[in-house]
Amino acid sequence: MISLISKQSSLIDFPVTSKLTSVVVARPTEVIIESGVAVISFQGQHPTDWTRDSLSFPVGKATPQTHFLKGIASGSPASIWTDPPQLTIQLFQHLEPVTLSVFAQGSNSAGPVISTGNATGNVPGLATVTTGNIPAIGCAVDAATVGYSTQAGRPVVTFALAVFGVFTFLLRVAYTVHIVLGEPGIVSGGGGVITEER
């Protein structure tokens, strides 16, 4: 399950006023652009598959539902963390007793000397290396949508997120949201030229 720890965002508000004299349109009054980073905690739950969940939080500003016209959003992973299995190397696991045959040949002042026999001692066993497999990791923002929440009383952005494997943590999602707010009702006019003041 994803938990939203915090978000830091900047909000730009573009008020728009229009004088419409010949067409029938809804009157847009504001375009709000919010960008920021959502700090989250989302860990994968399946060793060989994707874990999917959604993250939703309020954006923009409080507004009546009748003023919310539309919204679009985009998001991307901004920070991930992997916690792979530990790598363990054991160069010599144990000592093994070994018996060797010995043959020595040489000479001294009395003539040639030959010696044979057995010698026993301990030598290190074969080197062993224990490692964990490097895990497959991945993260994705599959979709981003903006809707109106009557409970929050404002627009809400929802991200469909996914992480692969159990060692992947998605920690931050960078996002940008555009929201168009309009006054309720329509304006109609009869002929003439359309002029707009921005």
N, C-alpha and C. Protein backbone atom coordinates (compact mmCIF):
# COMPACT_ATOMS: atom_id res chain seq x y z
N MET A 1 0.83 -1.18 0.00
CA MET A 1 0.00 0.00 0.00
C MET A 1 0.88 1.24 0.00
N ILE A 2 0.50 2.23 -0.78
CA ILE A 2 1.26 3.47 -0.88
C ILE A 2 0.81 4.42 0.21
N SER A 3 1.78 5.07 0.83
CA SER A 3 1.44 6.12 1.77
C SER A 3 2.12 7.41 1.34
N LEU A 4 1.35 8.50 1.29
CA LEU A 4 1.88 9.81 0.95
C LEU A 4 2.46 10.42 2.21
N ILE A 5 3.78 10.64 2.21
CA ILE A 5 4.44 11.19 3.38
C ILE A 5 4.33 12.72 3.37
N SER A 6 4.59 13.32 2.24
CA SER A 6 4.46 14.76 2.12
C SER A 6 4.51 15.15 0.65
N LYS A 7 4.15 16.37 0.36
CA LYS A 7 4.32 16.91 -0.98
C LYS A 7 4.69 18.36 -0.87
N GLN A 8 5.54 18.79 -1.77
CA GLN A 8 5.91 20.19 -1.87
C GLN A 8 5.63 20.62 -3.28
N SER A 9 4.86 21.67 -3.45
CA SER A 9 4.48 22.08 -4.80
C SER A 9 4.45 23.58 -4.91
N SER A 10 4.54 24.03 -6.14
CA SER A 10 4.37 25.45 -6.43
C SER A 10 3.14 25.61 -7.31
N LEU A 11 2.39 26.66 -7.08
CA LEU A 11 1.11 26.87 -7.75
C LEU A 11 1.15 28.17 -8.52
N ILE A 12 0.80 28.11 -9.80
CA ILE A 12 0.70 29.30 -10.65
C ILE A 12 -0.74 29.44 -11.08
N ASP A 13 -1.30 30.60 -10.89
CA ASP A 13 -2.71 30.86 -11.18
C ASP A 13 -2.80 31.90 -12.29
N PHE A 14 -3.47 31.55 -13.40
CA PHE A 14 -3.66 32.48 -14.51
C PHE A 14 -5.12 32.86 -14.61
N PRO A 15 -5.54 34.01 -14.06
CA PRO A 15 -6.94 34.42 -14.26
C PRO A 15 -7.14 34.90 -15.69
N VAL A 16 -8.29 34.58 -16.26
CA VAL A 16 -8.61 34.97 -17.62
C VAL A 16 -9.99 35.61 -17.62
N THR A 17 -10.13 36.78 -18.23
CA THR A 17 -11.45 37.40 -18.40
C THR A 17 -11.71 37.57 -19.88
N SER A 18 -12.95 37.39 -20.29
CA SER A 18 -13.29 37.45 -21.71
C SER A 18 -14.49 38.34 -21.93
N LYS A 19 -14.48 39.06 -23.06
CA LYS A 19 -15.67 39.76 -23.54
C LYS A 19 -16.08 39.07 -24.83
N LEU A 20 -17.16 38.31 -24.75
CA LEU A 20 -17.61 37.53 -25.89
C LEU A 20 -18.89 38.13 -26.43
N THR A 21 -18.92 38.40 -27.74
CA THR A 21 -20.06 39.11 -28.29
C THR A 21 -20.82 38.35 -29.36
N SER A 22 -20.30 37.18 -29.80
CA SER A 22 -21.00 36.55 -30.91
C SER A 22 -21.17 35.05 -30.81
N VAL A 23 -20.56 34.40 -29.83
CA VAL A 23 -20.65 32.95 -29.76
C VAL A 23 -21.17 32.54 -28.40
N VAL A 24 -21.56 31.29 -28.30
CA VAL A 24 -22.05 30.74 -27.05
C VAL A 24 -20.97 29.81 -26.50
N VAL A 25 -20.39 30.18 -25.39
CA VAL A 25 -19.31 29.37 -24.81
C VAL A 25 -19.40 29.42 -23.29
N ALA A 26 -18.76 28.45 -22.66
CA ALA A 26 -18.57 28.56 -21.22
C ALA A 26 -17.46 29.56 -20.98
N ARG A 27 -17.51 30.27 -19.86
CA ARG A 27 -16.52 31.32 -19.61
C ARG A 27 -15.39 30.79 -18.74
N PRO A 28 -14.20 30.51 -19.32
CA PRO A 28 -13.08 30.11 -18.47
C PRO A 28 -12.60 31.29 -17.65
N THR A 29 -12.31 31.07 -16.41
CA THR A 29 -11.85 32.15 -15.56
C THR A 29 -10.44 31.93 -15.02
N GLU A 30 -10.02 30.69 -14.91
CA GLU A 30 -8.69 30.43 -14.36
C GLU A 30 -8.07 29.19 -14.96
N VAL A 31 -6.76 29.25 -15.15
CA VAL A 31 -5.96 28.07 -15.46
C VAL A 31 -4.92 27.96 -14.36
N ILE A 32 -4.94 26.85 -13.66
CA ILE A 32 -4.02 26.63 -12.55
C ILE A 32 -3.01 25.57 -12.95
N ILE A 33 -1.74 25.88 -12.74
CA ILE A 33 -0.66 24.92 -13.00
C ILE A 33 0.03 24.64 -11.68
N GLU A 34 0.06 23.38 -11.31
CA GLU A 34 0.75 22.97 -10.09
C GLU A 34 1.81 21.95 -10.44
N SER A 35 3.02 22.16 -9.95
CA SER A 35 4.08 21.17 -10.14
C SER A 35 4.74 20.93 -8.81
N GLY A 36 5.23 19.73 -8.61
CA GLY A 36 5.86 19.42 -7.34
C GLY A 36 6.36 18.00 -7.28
N VAL A 37 6.70 17.58 -6.09
CA VAL A 37 7.19 16.22 -5.83
C VAL A 37 6.41 15.64 -4.66
N ALA A 38 5.82 14.49 -4.87
CA ALA A 38 5.13 13.76 -3.81
C ALA A 38 6.11 12.76 -3.21
N VAL A 39 6.33 12.86 -1.90
CA VAL A 39 7.23 11.94 -1.20
C VAL A 39 6.38 10.79 -0.68
N ILE A 40 6.69 9.57 -1.14
CA ILE A 40 5.84 8.41 -0.82
C ILE A 40 6.70 7.26 -0.33
N SER A 41 6.05 6.18 0.03
CA SER A 41 6.73 4.94 0.37
C SER A 41 5.94 3.80 -0.26
N PHE A 42 6.51 3.18 -1.30
CA PHE A 42 5.82 2.13 -2.05
C PHE A 42 6.83 1.03 -2.37
N GLN A 43 6.66 -0.13 -1.74
CA GLN A 43 7.57 -1.26 -1.92
C GLN A 43 6.86 -2.38 -2.67
N GLY A 44 7.60 -3.05 -3.56
CA GLY A 44 7.06 -4.19 -4.28
C GLY A 44 6.76 -5.36 -3.35
N GLN A 45 5.75 -6.16 -3.72
CA GLN A 45 5.32 -7.29 -2.89
C GLN A 45 5.51 -8.64 -3.58
N HIS A 46 5.85 -8.65 -4.88
CA HIS A 46 5.96 -9.90 -5.64
C HIS A 46 7.39 -10.05 -6.18
N PRO A 47 8.08 -11.13 -5.85
CA PRO A 47 9.48 -11.28 -6.27
C PRO A 47 9.67 -11.28 -7.78
N THR A 48 8.71 -11.78 -8.54
CA THR A 48 8.88 -11.91 -9.99
C THR A 48 7.76 -11.24 -10.77
N ASP A 49 7.13 -10.23 -10.20
CA ASP A 49 6.02 -9.58 -10.89
C ASP A 49 5.89 -8.14 -10.41
N TRP A 50 4.99 -7.41 -11.08
CA TRP A 50 4.71 -6.02 -10.73
C TRP A 50 3.70 -5.94 -9.58
N THR A 51 3.91 -4.99 -8.70
CA THR A 51 2.93 -4.62 -7.68
C THR A 51 2.34 -3.29 -8.11
N ARG A 52 1.01 -3.22 -8.21
CA ARG A 52 0.34 -2.00 -8.70
C ARG A 52 -0.55 -1.42 -7.63
N ASP A 53 -0.60 -0.09 -7.58
CA ASP A 53 -1.46 0.61 -6.64
C ASP A 53 -1.66 2.02 -7.17
N SER A 54 -2.56 2.76 -6.55
CA SER A 54 -2.79 4.14 -6.98
C SER A 54 -2.55 5.10 -5.83
N LEU A 55 -2.15 6.30 -6.18
CA LEU A 55 -1.88 7.36 -5.22
C LEU A 55 -2.73 8.57 -5.61
N SER A 56 -3.54 9.09 -4.67
CA SER A 56 -4.40 10.25 -4.93
C SER A 56 -4.16 11.29 -3.85
N PHE A 57 -4.17 12.57 -4.27
CA PHE A 57 -4.08 13.66 -3.31
C PHE A 57 -4.63 14.94 -3.94
N PRO A 58 -5.12 15.88 -3.10
CA PRO A 58 -5.71 17.12 -3.61
C PRO A 58 -4.66 18.02 -4.27
N VAL A 59 -5.09 18.72 -5.31
CA VAL A 59 -4.23 19.68 -6.00
C VAL A 59 -5.02 20.96 -6.25
N GLY A 60 -4.33 21.99 -6.69
CA GLY A 60 -5.02 23.24 -6.99
C GLY A 60 -5.52 23.90 -5.73
N LYS A 61 -6.74 24.42 -5.81
CA LYS A 61 -7.31 25.10 -4.66
C LYS A 61 -8.77 24.69 -4.51
N ALA A 62 -9.33 24.94 -3.33
CA ALA A 62 -10.72 24.62 -3.07
C ALA A 62 -11.61 25.43 -4.01
N THR A 63 -12.58 24.75 -4.61
CA THR A 63 -13.46 25.41 -5.57
C THR A 63 -14.76 24.62 -5.66
N PRO A 64 -15.87 25.25 -5.98
CA PRO A 64 -17.12 24.49 -6.16
C PRO A 64 -17.00 23.53 -7.34
N GLN A 65 -17.70 22.42 -7.27
CA GLN A 65 -17.63 21.43 -8.34
C GLN A 65 -18.09 22.00 -9.67
N THR A 66 -19.05 22.94 -9.64
CA THR A 66 -19.55 23.52 -10.88
C THR A 66 -18.50 24.36 -11.59
N HIS A 67 -17.44 24.77 -10.90
CA HIS A 67 -16.39 25.57 -11.52
C HIS A 67 -15.29 24.70 -12.13
N PHE A 68 -15.24 23.41 -11.79
CA PHE A 68 -14.20 22.53 -12.32
C PHE A 68 -14.59 22.08 -13.72
N LEU A 69 -13.79 22.49 -14.72
CA LEU A 69 -14.08 22.11 -16.10
C LEU A 69 -13.28 20.90 -16.55
N LYS A 70 -11.97 20.93 -16.36
CA LYS A 70 -11.14 19.79 -16.76
C LYS A 70 -9.77 19.91 -16.12
N GLY A 71 -9.05 18.82 -16.20
CA GLY A 71 -7.69 18.81 -15.69
C GLY A 71 -6.88 17.73 -16.37
N ILE A 72 -5.59 17.97 -16.53
CA ILE A 72 -4.68 16.96 -17.07
C ILE A 72 -3.44 16.93 -16.18
N ALA A 73 -2.78 15.79 -16.16
CA ALA A 73 -1.60 15.65 -15.29
C ALA A 73 -0.59 14.72 -15.93
N SER A 74 0.65 14.87 -15.52
CA SER A 74 1.71 13.94 -15.90
C SER A 74 2.59 13.71 -14.69
N GLY A 75 3.18 12.53 -14.60
CA GLY A 75 4.05 12.22 -13.48
C GLY A 75 5.14 11.26 -13.90
N SER A 76 6.23 11.27 -13.15
CA SER A 76 7.33 10.35 -13.44
C SER A 76 8.05 9.99 -12.14
N PRO A 77 8.63 8.78 -12.08
CA PRO A 77 9.41 8.41 -10.89
C PRO A 77 10.58 9.37 -10.72
N ALA A 78 10.76 9.88 -9.52
CA ALA A 78 11.85 10.82 -9.27
C ALA A 78 12.91 10.25 -8.35
N SER A 79 12.61 9.18 -7.62
CA SER A 79 13.60 8.57 -6.73
C SER A 79 13.19 7.14 -6.44
N ILE A 80 14.13 6.21 -6.65
CA ILE A 80 13.89 4.81 -6.29
C ILE A 80 15.06 4.34 -5.44
N TRP A 81 14.83 3.27 -4.70
CA TRP A 81 15.86 2.67 -3.87
C TRP A 81 15.75 1.17 -4.01
N THR A 82 16.89 0.49 -4.10
CA THR A 82 16.90 -0.97 -4.14
C THR A 82 17.67 -1.48 -2.94
N ASP A 83 17.21 -2.58 -2.40
CA ASP A 83 17.84 -3.20 -1.24
C ASP A 83 18.16 -4.65 -1.60
N PRO A 84 19.24 -4.87 -2.38
CA PRO A 84 19.53 -6.23 -2.85
C PRO A 84 20.03 -7.13 -1.74
N PRO A 85 20.00 -8.46 -1.97
CA PRO A 85 20.53 -9.39 -0.97
C PRO A 85 22.01 -9.12 -0.73
N GLN A 86 22.47 -9.46 0.47
CA GLN A 86 23.87 -9.24 0.81
C GLN A 86 24.77 -10.23 0.07
N LEU A 87 25.96 -9.75 -0.29
CA LEU A 87 26.97 -10.58 -0.94
C LEU A 87 27.93 -11.09 0.14
N THR A 88 28.08 -12.41 0.24
CA THR A 88 28.95 -13.01 1.26
C THR A 88 30.04 -13.82 0.56
N ILE A 89 31.28 -13.54 0.89
CA ILE A 89 32.40 -14.29 0.33
C ILE A 89 33.15 -14.96 1.47
N GLN A 90 33.30 -16.27 1.40
CA GLN A 90 34.08 -17.04 2.37
C GLN A 90 35.22 -17.70 1.61
N LEU A 91 36.43 -17.18 1.81
CA LEU A 91 37.55 -17.70 1.03
C LEU A 91 37.92 -19.12 1.44
N PHE A 92 38.01 -19.39 2.73
CA PHE A 92 38.37 -20.73 3.18
C PHE A 92 37.38 -21.16 4.25
N GLN A 93 36.59 -22.14 3.91
CA GLN A 93 35.53 -22.55 4.82
C GLN A 93 36.06 -23.45 5.94
N HIS A 94 37.04 -24.33 5.63
CA HIS A 94 37.54 -25.27 6.63
C HIS A 94 38.92 -25.79 6.20
N LEU A 95 39.58 -26.51 7.10
CA LEU A 95 40.86 -27.16 6.80
C LEU A 95 40.62 -28.65 6.61
N GLU A 96 41.29 -29.21 5.63
CA GLU A 96 41.14 -30.64 5.35
C GLU A 96 42.46 -31.36 5.61
N PRO A 97 42.42 -32.53 6.30
CA PRO A 97 43.66 -33.32 6.48
C PRO A 97 44.06 -34.01 5.17
N VAL A 98 45.33 -33.96 4.88
CA VAL A 98 45.84 -34.55 3.64
C VAL A 98 47.07 -35.40 3.98
N THR A 99 47.17 -36.60 3.39
CA THR A 99 48.35 -37.47 3.53
C THR A 99 49.08 -37.50 2.20
N LEU A 100 50.36 -37.19 2.22
CA LEU A 100 51.16 -37.14 1.01
C LEU A 100 52.29 -38.16 1.08
N SER A 101 52.60 -38.75 -0.05
CA SER A 101 53.78 -39.63 -0.15
C SER A 101 55.01 -38.75 -0.38
N VAL A 102 56.11 -39.08 0.36
CA VAL A 102 57.34 -38.29 0.25
C VAL A 102 58.45 -39.18 -0.30
N PHE A 103 59.18 -38.67 -1.27
CA PHE A 103 60.34 -39.36 -1.83
C PHE A 103 61.45 -38.34 -1.93
N ALA A 104 62.55 -38.61 -1.26
CA ALA A 104 63.70 -37.71 -1.30
C ALA A 104 64.94 -38.49 -1.72
N GLN A 105 65.77 -37.89 -2.56
CA GLN A 105 66.98 -38.55 -3.04
C GLN A 105 68.11 -37.53 -3.02
N GLY A 106 69.24 -37.97 -2.58
CA GLY A 106 70.40 -37.09 -2.54
C GLY A 106 71.66 -37.91 -2.29
N SER A 107 72.71 -37.23 -1.83
CA SER A 107 73.96 -37.95 -1.54
C SER A 107 74.71 -37.24 -0.42
N ASN A 108 75.60 -38.00 0.20
CA ASN A 108 76.49 -37.44 1.19
C ASN A 108 77.88 -38.03 0.95
N SER A 109 78.75 -37.83 1.90
CA SER A 109 80.12 -38.31 1.69
C SER A 109 80.19 -39.84 1.62
N ALA A 110 79.19 -40.52 2.16
CA ALA A 110 79.20 -41.98 2.13
C ALA A 110 78.58 -42.52 0.86
N GLY A 111 77.94 -41.67 0.07
CA GLY A 111 77.32 -42.13 -1.17
C GLY A 111 75.88 -41.65 -1.30
N PRO A 112 75.10 -42.27 -2.22
CA PRO A 112 73.73 -41.85 -2.44
C PRO A 112 72.81 -42.17 -1.24
N VAL A 113 71.81 -41.27 -1.04
CA VAL A 113 70.85 -41.44 0.05
C VAL A 113 69.44 -41.34 -0.54
N ILE A 114 68.59 -42.27 -0.24
CA ILE A 114 67.20 -42.27 -0.69
C ILE A 114 66.31 -42.43 0.54
N SER A 115 65.24 -41.58 0.61
CA SER A 115 64.31 -41.66 1.74
C SER A 115 62.89 -41.63 1.21
N THR A 116 62.03 -42.49 1.72
CA THR A 116 60.61 -42.52 1.35
C THR A 116 59.77 -42.59 2.60
N GLY A 117 58.46 -42.20 2.45
CA GLY A 117 57.55 -42.27 3.58
C GLY A 117 56.29 -41.46 3.32
N ASN A 118 55.51 -41.27 4.35
CA ASN A 118 54.27 -40.49 4.25
C ASN A 118 54.32 -39.31 5.21
N ALA A 119 53.67 -38.20 4.80
CA ALA A 119 53.55 -37.01 5.66
C ALA A 119 52.09 -36.61 5.69
N THR A 120 51.61 -36.24 6.88
CA THR A 120 50.20 -35.85 7.05
C THR A 120 50.14 -34.41 7.57
N GLY A 121 49.22 -33.60 6.98
CA GLY A 121 49.06 -32.22 7.45
C GLY A 121 47.70 -31.67 7.03
N ASN A 122 47.36 -30.49 7.51
CA ASN A 122 46.09 -29.84 7.16
C ASN A 122 46.34 -28.73 6.13
N VAL A 123 45.50 -28.71 5.10
CA VAL A 123 45.58 -27.65 4.08
C VAL A 123 44.20 -27.02 3.96
N PRO A 124 44.14 -25.77 3.54
CA PRO A 124 42.81 -25.12 3.40
C PRO A 124 41.95 -25.83 2.37
N GLY A 125 40.65 -25.89 2.65
CA GLY A 125 39.71 -26.46 1.69
C GLY A 125 39.52 -25.51 0.51
N LEU A 126 38.73 -25.93 -0.42
CA LEU A 126 38.49 -25.12 -1.61
C LEU A 126 37.78 -23.83 -1.23
N ALA A 127 38.08 -22.76 -1.95
CA ALA A 127 37.43 -21.48 -1.71
C ALA A 127 35.96 -21.57 -2.11
N THR A 128 35.07 -21.00 -1.31
CA THR A 128 33.64 -20.99 -1.63
C THR A 128 33.14 -19.55 -1.64
N VAL A 129 32.27 -19.26 -2.55
CA VAL A 129 31.68 -17.92 -2.66
C VAL A 129 30.16 -18.08 -2.60
N THR A 130 29.53 -17.39 -1.67
CA THR A 130 28.07 -17.43 -1.55
C THR A 130 27.53 -16.06 -1.94
N THR A 131 26.71 -16.03 -2.96
CA THR A 131 26.14 -14.76 -3.41
C THR A 131 24.64 -14.91 -3.60
N GLY A 132 23.93 -13.79 -3.48
CA GLY A 132 22.53 -13.76 -3.85
C GLY A 132 22.42 -13.24 -5.28
N ASN A 133 21.39 -13.64 -5.98
CA ASN A 133 21.19 -13.13 -7.33
C ASN A 133 20.87 -11.65 -7.27
N ILE A 134 21.38 -10.89 -8.24
CA ILE A 134 21.02 -9.48 -8.32
C ILE A 134 19.57 -9.41 -8.75
N PRO A 135 18.70 -8.78 -7.96
CA PRO A 135 17.27 -8.84 -8.24
C PRO A 135 16.87 -7.95 -9.41
N ALA A 136 15.79 -8.35 -10.09
CA ALA A 136 15.21 -7.49 -11.13
C ALA A 136 14.43 -6.38 -10.45
N ILE A 137 14.61 -5.16 -10.93
CA ILE A 137 13.91 -4.02 -10.34
C ILE A 137 13.25 -3.21 -11.45
N GLY A 138 12.24 -2.43 -11.09
CA GLY A 138 11.59 -1.56 -12.06
C GLY A 138 10.54 -0.72 -11.37
N CYS A 139 10.22 0.43 -11.97
CA CYS A 139 9.15 1.27 -11.45
C CYS A 139 8.53 2.03 -12.60
N ALA A 140 7.26 2.41 -12.45
CA ALA A 140 6.55 3.07 -13.54
C ALA A 140 5.40 3.91 -13.01
N VAL A 141 5.10 4.97 -13.75
CA VAL A 141 3.85 5.72 -13.58
C VAL A 141 3.02 5.37 -14.81
N ASP A 142 2.00 4.52 -14.62
CA ASP A 142 1.22 4.02 -15.76
C ASP A 142 0.19 5.01 -16.26
N ALA A 143 -0.35 5.86 -15.39
CA ALA A 143 -1.39 6.80 -15.80
C ALA A 143 -1.48 7.92 -14.79
N ALA A 144 -2.00 9.07 -15.26
CA ALA A 144 -2.23 10.22 -14.39
C ALA A 144 -3.55 10.86 -14.81
N THR A 145 -4.47 11.01 -13.86
CA THR A 145 -5.78 11.60 -14.16
C THR A 145 -6.12 12.65 -13.11
N VAL A 146 -6.98 13.59 -13.51
CA VAL A 146 -7.44 14.63 -12.59
C VAL A 146 -8.96 14.60 -12.59
N GLY A 147 -9.55 14.59 -11.42
CA GLY A 147 -11.01 14.62 -11.26
C GLY A 147 -11.36 15.51 -10.08
N TYR A 148 -12.66 15.65 -9.86
CA TYR A 148 -13.11 16.48 -8.74
C TYR A 148 -13.57 15.58 -7.61
N SER A 149 -13.15 15.91 -6.39
CA SER A 149 -13.55 15.15 -5.21
C SER A 149 -14.50 16.00 -4.37
N THR A 150 -15.73 15.54 -4.22
CA THR A 150 -16.68 16.27 -3.38
C THR A 150 -16.27 16.19 -1.90
N GLN A 151 -15.59 15.09 -1.54
CA GLN A 151 -15.13 14.95 -0.16
C GLN A 151 -14.04 15.97 0.16
N ALA A 152 -13.10 16.17 -0.79
CA ALA A 152 -12.02 17.13 -0.57
C ALA A 152 -12.45 18.55 -0.90
N GLY A 153 -13.49 18.69 -1.73
CA GLY A 153 -13.94 20.02 -2.12
C GLY A 153 -13.00 20.71 -3.09
N ARG A 154 -12.26 19.91 -3.86
CA ARG A 154 -11.27 20.46 -4.78
C ARG A 154 -10.84 19.38 -5.76
N PRO A 155 -10.09 19.73 -6.79
CA PRO A 155 -9.58 18.71 -7.71
C PRO A 155 -8.61 17.76 -7.01
N VAL A 156 -8.56 16.54 -7.51
CA VAL A 156 -7.67 15.50 -6.98
C VAL A 156 -6.95 14.85 -8.15
N VAL A 157 -5.64 14.65 -8.01
CA VAL A 157 -4.87 13.92 -9.02
C VAL A 157 -4.69 12.48 -8.55
N THR A 158 -4.76 11.54 -9.49
CA THR A 158 -4.57 10.12 -9.19
C THR A 158 -3.52 9.56 -10.13
N PHE A 159 -2.50 8.93 -9.54
CA PHE A 159 -1.45 8.28 -10.31
C PHE A 159 -1.56 6.77 -10.15
N ALA A 160 -1.49 6.05 -11.25
CA ALA A 160 -1.40 4.59 -11.23
C ALA A 160 0.09 4.24 -11.24
N LEU A 161 0.57 3.64 -10.15
CA LEU A 161 2.00 3.36 -9.98
C LEU A 161 2.26 1.86 -9.98
N ALA A 162 3.49 1.48 -10.31
CA ALA A 162 3.87 0.08 -10.30
C ALA A 162 5.35 -0.05 -9.96
N VAL A 163 5.70 -1.08 -9.19
CA VAL A 163 7.09 -1.42 -8.92
C VAL A 163 7.27 -2.92 -9.13
N PHE A 164 8.47 -3.32 -9.56
CA PHE A 164 8.75 -4.72 -9.87
C PHE A 164 9.69 -5.30 -8.82
N GLY A 165 9.37 -6.51 -8.35
CA GLY A 165 10.23 -7.19 -7.39
C GLY A 165 10.00 -6.72 -5.97
N VAL A 166 10.59 -7.43 -5.02
CA VAL A 166 10.41 -7.10 -3.60
C VAL A 166 11.51 -6.20 -3.06
N PHE A 167 12.53 -5.93 -3.88
CA PHE A 167 13.64 -5.10 -3.41
C PHE A 167 13.57 -3.69 -3.96
N THR A 168 12.45 -3.32 -4.60
CA THR A 168 12.29 -2.00 -5.19
C THR A 168 11.40 -1.13 -4.32
N PHE A 169 11.87 0.09 -4.05
CA PHE A 169 11.10 1.08 -3.30
C PHE A 169 10.98 2.32 -4.17
N LEU A 170 9.74 2.75 -4.46
CA LEU A 170 9.51 4.02 -5.15
C LEU A 170 9.29 5.07 -4.07
N LEU A 171 10.12 6.10 -4.05
CA LEU A 171 10.13 7.05 -2.94
C LEU A 171 9.59 8.43 -3.31
N ARG A 172 9.66 8.82 -4.58
CA ARG A 172 9.19 10.15 -4.98
C ARG A 172 8.61 10.11 -6.37
N VAL A 173 7.56 10.90 -6.58
CA VAL A 173 6.95 11.06 -7.90
C VAL A 173 6.90 12.56 -8.21
N ALA A 174 7.55 12.96 -9.30
CA ALA A 174 7.48 14.35 -9.75
C ALA A 174 6.23 14.49 -10.63
N TYR A 175 5.52 15.60 -10.49
CA TYR A 175 4.26 15.73 -11.23
C TYR A 175 4.01 17.18 -11.65
N THR A 176 3.18 17.32 -12.67
CA THR A 176 2.65 18.61 -13.11
C THR A 176 1.17 18.42 -13.41
N VAL A 177 0.36 19.35 -12.90
CA VAL A 177 -1.09 19.28 -13.09
C VAL A 177 -1.57 20.62 -13.68
N HIS A 178 -2.42 20.55 -14.70
CA HIS A 178 -3.08 21.73 -15.27
C HIS A 178 -4.58 21.60 -14.99
N ILE A 179 -5.16 22.64 -14.39
CA ILE A 179 -6.58 22.62 -14.03
C ILE A 179 -7.24 23.85 -14.65
N VAL A 180 -8.39 23.64 -15.30
CA VAL A 180 -9.16 24.75 -15.87
C VAL A 180 -10.45 24.89 -15.05
N LEU A 181 -10.64 26.08 -14.48
CA LEU A 181 -11.83 26.39 -13.71
C LEU A 181 -12.66 27.41 -14.48
N GLY A 182 -13.98 27.28 -14.42
CA GLY A 182 -14.85 28.21 -15.13
C GLY A 182 -16.06 28.59 -14.31
N GLU A 183 -16.63 29.74 -14.62
CA GLU A 183 -17.85 30.17 -13.95
C GLU A 183 -19.02 29.35 -14.46
N PRO A 184 -19.98 29.09 -13.60
CA PRO A 184 -21.14 28.33 -14.06
C PRO A 184 -21.96 29.14 -15.06
N GLY A 185 -22.64 28.43 -15.96
CA GLY A 185 -23.50 29.09 -16.93
C GLY A 185 -22.77 29.38 -18.22
N ILE A 186 -23.47 29.97 -19.16
CA ILE A 186 -22.91 30.30 -20.46
C ILE A 186 -23.19 31.76 -20.76
N VAL A 187 -22.46 32.26 -21.73
CA VAL A 187 -22.65 33.64 -22.19
C VAL A 187 -22.99 33.59 -23.66
N SER A 188 -23.99 34.31 -24.09
CA SER A 188 -24.32 34.33 -25.51
C SER A 188 -24.35 35.76 -25.99
N GLY A 189 -24.04 35.95 -27.24
CA GLY A 189 -24.04 37.28 -27.82
C GLY A 189 -24.63 37.22 -29.21
N GLY A 190 -24.91 38.35 -29.79
CA GLY A 190 -25.52 38.37 -31.10
C GLY A 190 -24.72 39.12 -32.14
N GLY A 191 -23.82 38.47 -32.80
CA GLY A 191 -23.10 39.07 -33.91
C GLY A 191 -22.00 40.00 -33.46
N GLY A 192 -21.07 40.23 -34.33
CA GLY A 192 -19.98 41.13 -34.03
C GLY A 192 -18.65 40.39 -33.95
N VAL A 193 -17.65 41.08 -33.44
CA VAL A 193 -16.30 40.53 -33.36
C VAL A 193 -16.01 40.10 -31.94
N ILE A 194 -15.33 38.97 -31.81
CA ILE A 194 -14.95 38.47 -30.49
C ILE A 194 -13.66 39.15 -30.07
N THR A 195 -13.64 39.73 -28.91
CA THR A 195 -12.42 40.29 -28.35
C THR A 195 -12.17 39.69 -26.99
N GLU A 196 -10.91 39.49 -26.67
CA GLU A 196 -10.55 38.91 -25.38
C GLU A 196 -9.52 39.79 -24.71
N GLU A 197 -9.65 39.94 -23.41
CA GLU A 197 -8.66 40.63 -22.61
C GLU A 197 -8.03 39.62 -21.67
N ARG A 198 -6.73 39.59 -21.65
CA ARG A 198 -6.01 38.62 -20.79
C ARG A 198 -5.15 39.36 -19.81
